[in-house]
Amino acid sequence: MGRLLFLALCLLSFLAFGSSAQAGRVDFVVPLVTVYPGQPLGDVAISRKGFFIREEAASLYVVDSSQLLNKIARGTLPAGRPIKVSMLGDPVLVKRGQMARLVFTSGDLVITAMGMAMEAGSVGDFIKVRNTDSGLVINGTVLDDGSVRVGGR
């Protein structure tokens, strides 16, 4: 009997004081239709929906529609479910097999050439590109205008 009373008191104290990780209601942005990988999120119908979640975990999800601007889905986003920030990506500017302008800059010297992208990339991605003049495969960083910066600064 004493043991049962002790367990009951422990349960009541836990329920009364709770744990350090409290769940709260948070409104998240949710798509109204299923969104597929690579689909731009700017033209997707969205809504807000409340979910109960630990407050520390809320930052892992999209809470404002402005977070979707100029983003694409990295994976399938089911309708009516919260969108994880990790499922958002930047649009691909350079596609595999696409011709891209290569830019080498060193001080005042700027050299440009054409190359074929060996892999796709978004702004800031480090990709391989084949120089069409020399046939050499070089690495470069995708710039916001779709060109690729190689070597130099």
C-alpha atoms as a PDB file:
ATOM      1  CA  MET A   1       0.000   0.000   0.000  1.00  0.00           C
ATOM      2  CA  GLY A   2       2.838   2.408   0.884  1.00  0.00           C
ATOM      3  CA  ARG A   3       4.561   1.701  -2.411  1.00  0.00           C
ATOM      4  CA  LEU A   4       1.365   2.406  -4.364  1.00  0.00           C
ATOM      5  CA  LEU A   5       0.859   5.672  -2.480  1.00  0.00           C
ATOM      6  CA  PHE A   6       4.465   6.691  -3.234  1.00  0.00           C
ATOM      7  CA  LEU A   7       3.991   6.017  -6.984  1.00  0.00           C
ATOM      8  CA  ALA A   8       0.714   7.966  -6.985  1.00  0.00           C
ATOM      9  CA  LEU A   9       2.411  10.964  -5.330  1.00  0.00           C
ATOM     10  CA  CYS A  10       5.263  10.842  -7.844  1.00  0.00           C
ATOM     11  CA  LEU A  11       2.792  10.798 -10.734  1.00  0.00           C
ATOM     12  CA  LEU A  12       0.791  13.695  -9.285  1.00  0.00           C
ATOM     13  CA  SER A  13       3.912  15.809  -8.727  1.00  0.00           C
ATOM     14  CA  PHE A  14       5.075  15.158 -12.292  1.00  0.00           C
ATOM     15  CA  LEU A  15       1.689  16.160 -13.677  1.00  0.00           C
ATOM     16  CA  ALA A  16       1.478  19.232 -11.452  1.00  0.00           C
ATOM     17  CA  PHE A  17       4.943  20.584 -12.159  1.00  0.00           C
ATOM     18  CA  GLY A  18       5.457  19.064 -15.606  1.00  0.00           C
ATOM     19  CA  SER A  19       8.772  18.596 -17.246  1.00  0.00           C
ATOM     20  CA  SER A  20      11.221  21.260 -18.384  1.00  0.00           C
ATOM     21  CA  ALA A  21      10.175  20.792 -22.037  1.00  0.00           C
ATOM     22  CA  GLN A  22       6.647  22.197 -22.204  1.00  0.00           C
ATOM     23  CA  ALA A  23       4.594  21.765 -25.355  1.00  0.00           C
ATOM     24  CA  GLY A  24       2.778  24.798 -26.661  1.00  0.00           C
ATOM     25  CA  ARG A  25       0.528  25.620 -29.571  1.00  0.00           C
ATOM     26  CA  VAL A  26       2.438  27.123 -32.488  1.00  0.00           C
ATOM     27  CA  ASP A  27       1.007  28.221 -35.840  1.00  0.00           C
ATOM     28  CA  PHE A  28       2.985  26.886 -38.788  1.00  0.00           C
ATOM     29  CA  VAL A  29       2.762  27.561 -42.512  1.00  0.00           C
ATOM     30  CA  VAL A  30       1.375  24.504 -44.340  1.00  0.00           C
ATOM     31  CA  PRO A  31       0.835  23.851 -48.060  1.00  0.00           C
ATOM     32  CA  LEU A  32      -2.791  23.313 -49.105  1.00  0.00           C
ATOM     33  CA  VAL A  33      -1.685  20.841 -51.795  1.00  0.00           C
ATOM     34  CA  THR A  34       1.169  18.328 -51.933  1.00  0.00           C
ATOM     35  CA  VAL A  35       4.397  19.940 -53.173  1.00  0.00           C
ATOM     36  CA  TYR A  36       6.934  17.822 -55.065  1.00  0.00           C
ATOM     37  CA  PRO A  37      10.760  18.075 -55.104  1.00  0.00           C
ATOM     38  CA  GLY A  38      12.072  20.926 -57.226  1.00  0.00           C
ATOM     39  CA  GLN A  39       8.737  22.763 -57.281  1.00  0.00           C
ATOM     40  CA  PRO A  40       8.987  26.516 -56.564  1.00  0.00           C
ATOM     41  CA  LEU A  41       7.176  27.476 -53.370  1.00  0.00           C
ATOM     42  CA  GLY A  42       6.300  31.020 -54.411  1.00  0.00           C
ATOM     43  CA  ASP A  43       3.218  29.926 -56.350  1.00  0.00           C
ATOM     44  CA  VAL A  44       1.935  27.281 -53.896  1.00  0.00           C
ATOM     45  CA  ALA A  45      -1.283  27.923 -51.950  1.00  0.00           C
ATOM     46  CA  ILE A  46      -0.493  28.040 -48.247  1.00  0.00           C
ATOM     47  CA  SER A  47      -2.363  28.396 -44.979  1.00  0.00           C
ATOM     48  CA  ARG A  48      -1.604  28.580 -41.261  1.00  0.00           C
ATOM     49  CA  LYS A  49      -2.378  25.678 -38.954  1.00  0.00           C
ATOM     50  CA  GLY A  50      -1.817  25.245 -35.217  1.00  0.00           C
ATOM     51  CA  PHE A  51       0.201  22.348 -33.803  1.00  0.00           C
ATOM     52  CA  PHE A  52       1.303  21.411 -30.305  1.00  0.00           C
ATOM     53  CA  ILE A  53       5.095  21.193 -30.182  1.00  0.00           C
ATOM     54  CA  ARG A  54       7.947  21.898 -27.792  1.00  0.00           C
ATOM     55  CA  GLU A  55       8.912  25.525 -28.164  1.00  0.00           C
ATOM     56  CA  GLU A  56      12.596  24.644 -28.738  1.00  0.00           C
ATOM     57  CA  ALA A  57      11.625  22.601 -31.799  1.00  0.00           C
ATOM     58  CA  ALA A  58       9.471  25.336 -33.377  1.00  0.00           C
ATOM     59  CA  SER A  59      12.518  26.946 -35.026  1.00  0.00           C
ATOM     60  CA  LEU A  60      12.951  23.825 -37.177  1.00  0.00           C
ATOM     61  CA  TYR A  61       9.744  24.654 -39.067  1.00  0.00           C
ATOM     62  CA  VAL A  62       8.508  27.467 -41.316  1.00  0.00           C
ATOM     63  CA  VAL A  63       6.467  29.926 -39.240  1.00  0.00           C
ATOM     64  CA  ASP A  64       6.246  32.812 -41.722  1.00  0.00           C
ATOM     65  CA  SER A  65       5.398  32.775 -45.428  1.00  0.00           C
ATOM     66  CA  SER A  66       8.360  35.100 -46.147  1.00  0.00           C
ATOM     67  CA  GLN A  67      10.640  32.104 -45.450  1.00  0.00           C
ATOM     68  CA  LEU A  68       9.302  30.521 -48.660  1.00  0.00           C
ATOM     69  CA  LEU A  69      10.264  33.389 -51.004  1.00  0.00           C
ATOM     70  CA  ASN A  70      12.611  32.309 -53.807  1.00  0.00           C
ATOM     71  CA  LYS A  71      12.805  28.749 -52.428  1.00  0.00           C
ATOM     72  CA  ILE A  72      12.096  25.310 -53.884  1.00  0.00           C
ATOM     73  CA  ALA A  73      11.078  22.064 -52.204  1.00  0.00           C
ATOM     74  CA  ARG A  74      13.974  19.666 -51.591  1.00  0.00           C
ATOM     75  CA  GLY A  75      11.580  16.797 -50.957  1.00  0.00           C
ATOM     76  CA  THR A  76       7.868  16.042 -50.987  1.00  0.00           C
ATOM     77  CA  LEU A  77       5.857  18.357 -48.726  1.00  0.00           C
ATOM     78  CA  PRO A  78       2.506  16.740 -47.852  1.00  0.00           C
ATOM     79  CA  ALA A  79      -0.584  18.969 -47.815  1.00  0.00           C
ATOM     80  CA  GLY A  80      -1.597  20.199 -44.372  1.00  0.00           C
ATOM     81  CA  ARG A  81       1.703  19.251 -42.689  1.00  0.00           C
ATOM     82  CA  PRO A  82       4.279  21.716 -41.288  1.00  0.00           C
ATOM     83  CA  ILE A  83       7.242  22.471 -43.544  1.00  0.00           C
ATOM     84  CA  LYS A  84      10.708  21.805 -42.103  1.00  0.00           C
ATOM     85  CA  VAL A  85      13.229  24.537 -42.898  1.00  0.00           C
ATOM     86  CA  SER A  86      15.656  21.797 -43.985  1.00  0.00           C
ATOM     87  CA  MET A  87      13.222  20.859 -46.787  1.00  0.00           C
ATOM     88  CA  LEU A  88      13.710  24.268 -48.450  1.00  0.00           C
ATOM     89  CA  GLY A  89      16.386  24.890 -51.036  1.00  0.00           C
ATOM     90  CA  ASP A  90      17.567  27.566 -53.404  1.00  0.00           C
ATOM     91  CA  PRO A  91      16.598  27.296 -57.073  1.00  0.00           C
ATOM     92  CA  VAL A  92      19.144  25.596 -59.326  1.00  0.00           C
ATOM     93  CA  LEU A  93      20.808  28.242 -61.506  1.00  0.00           C
ATOM     94  CA  VAL A  94      23.212  25.989 -63.385  1.00  0.00           C
ATOM     95  CA  LYS A  95      21.964  22.626 -64.622  1.00  0.00           C
ATOM     96  CA  ARG A  96      24.137  19.629 -65.450  1.00  0.00           C
ATOM     97  CA  GLY A  97      25.156  19.796 -69.127  1.00  0.00           C
ATOM     98  CA  GLN A  98      24.340  23.501 -69.400  1.00  0.00           C
ATOM     99  CA  MET A  99      26.855  25.948 -70.829  1.00  0.00           C
ATOM    100  CA  ALA A 100      28.029  28.483 -68.237  1.00  0.00           C
ATOM    101  CA  ARG A 101      30.305  31.484 -68.336  1.00  0.00           C
ATOM    102  CA  LEU A 102      33.526  30.888 -66.374  1.00  0.00           C
ATOM    103  CA  VAL A 103      35.033  33.943 -64.689  1.00  0.00           C
ATOM    104  CA  PHE A 104      38.581  34.173 -63.354  1.00  0.00           C
ATOM    105  CA  THR A 105      39.444  37.382 -61.474  1.00  0.00           C
ATOM    106  CA  SER A 106      42.802  38.394 -60.029  1.00  0.00           C
ATOM    107  CA  GLY A 107      43.125  42.054 -59.082  1.00  0.00           C
ATOM    108  CA  ASP A 108      42.179  44.083 -62.169  1.00  0.00           C
ATOM    109  CA  LEU A 109      42.583  41.090 -64.495  1.00  0.00           C
ATOM    110  CA  VAL A 110      39.340  39.384 -65.552  1.00  0.00           C
ATOM    111  CA  ILE A 111      39.362  36.357 -67.885  1.00  0.00           C
ATOM    112  CA  THR A 112      36.170  34.735 -69.125  1.00  0.00           C
ATOM    113  CA  ALA A 113      35.617  31.490 -70.958  1.00  0.00           C
ATOM    114  CA  MET A 114      32.761  29.060 -71.575  1.00  0.00           C
ATOM    115  CA  GLY A 115      32.364  25.754 -69.842  1.00  0.00           C
ATOM    116  CA  MET A 116      29.909  22.887 -69.537  1.00  0.00           C
ATOM    117  CA  ALA A 117      28.572  22.191 -66.055  1.00  0.00           C
ATOM    118  CA  MET A 118      29.342  18.650 -64.907  1.00  0.00           C
ATOM    119  CA  GLU A 119      26.831  18.987 -62.056  1.00  0.00           C
ATOM    120  CA  ALA A 120      23.920  21.228 -61.083  1.00  0.00           C
ATOM    121  CA  GLY A 121      24.314  24.062 -58.597  1.00  0.00           C
ATOM    122  CA  SER A 122      22.565  26.877 -56.764  1.00  0.00           C
ATOM    123  CA  VAL A 123      24.081  30.188 -55.682  1.00  0.00           C
ATOM    124  CA  GLY A 124      27.207  29.510 -53.617  1.00  0.00           C
ATOM    125  CA  ASP A 125      27.502  25.825 -54.576  1.00  0.00           C
ATOM    126  CA  PHE A 126      30.943  24.493 -55.512  1.00  0.00           C
ATOM    127  CA  ILE A 127      30.593  22.564 -58.801  1.00  0.00           C
ATOM    128  CA  LYS A 128      32.737  20.920 -61.467  1.00  0.00           C
ATOM    129  CA  VAL A 129      32.835  22.521 -64.919  1.00  0.00           C
ATOM    130  CA  ARG A 130      34.605  21.381 -68.105  1.00  0.00           C
ATOM    131  CA  ASN A 131      36.369  24.219 -69.935  1.00  0.00           C
ATOM    132  CA  THR A 132      35.196  23.855 -73.545  1.00  0.00           C
ATOM    133  CA  ASP A 133      38.445  25.291 -74.968  1.00  0.00           C
ATOM    134  CA  SER A 134      40.952  23.165 -73.033  1.00  0.00           C
ATOM    135  CA  GLY A 135      38.803  20.190 -72.009  1.00  0.00           C
ATOM    136  CA  LEU A 136      40.074  20.516 -68.420  1.00  0.00           C
ATOM    137  CA  VAL A 137      37.642  19.897 -65.572  1.00  0.00           C
ATOM    138  CA  ILE A 138      37.869  22.673 -62.987  1.00  0.00           C
ATOM    139  CA  ASN A 139      35.964  23.592 -59.839  1.00  0.00           C
ATOM    140  CA  GLY A 140      34.127  26.831 -59.293  1.00  0.00           C
ATOM    141  CA  THR A 141      31.444  28.613 -57.308  1.00  0.00           C
ATOM    142  CA  VAL A 142      28.037  29.411 -58.800  1.00  0.00           C
ATOM    143  CA  LEU A 143      27.324  33.143 -58.767  1.00  0.00           C
ATOM    144  CA  ASP A 144      23.912  34.769 -58.588  1.00  0.00           C
ATOM    145  CA  ASP A 145      23.933  35.609 -62.325  1.00  0.00           C
ATOM    146  CA  GLY A 146      24.441  31.918 -63.254  1.00  0.00           C
ATOM    147  CA  SER A 147      28.131  32.268 -64.081  1.00  0.00           C
ATOM    148  CA  VAL A 148      30.839  30.252 -62.302  1.00  0.00           C
ATOM    149  CA  ARG A 149      33.786  31.883 -60.513  1.00  0.00           C
ATOM    150  CA  VAL A 150      36.957  29.826 -60.897  1.00  0.00           C
ATOM    151  CA  GLY A 151      40.313  30.371 -59.164  1.00  0.00           C
ATOM    152  CA  GLY A 152      41.525  33.856 -58.158  1.00  0.00           C
ATOM    153  CA  ARG A 153      39.476  36.132 -55.947  1.00  0.00           C
END
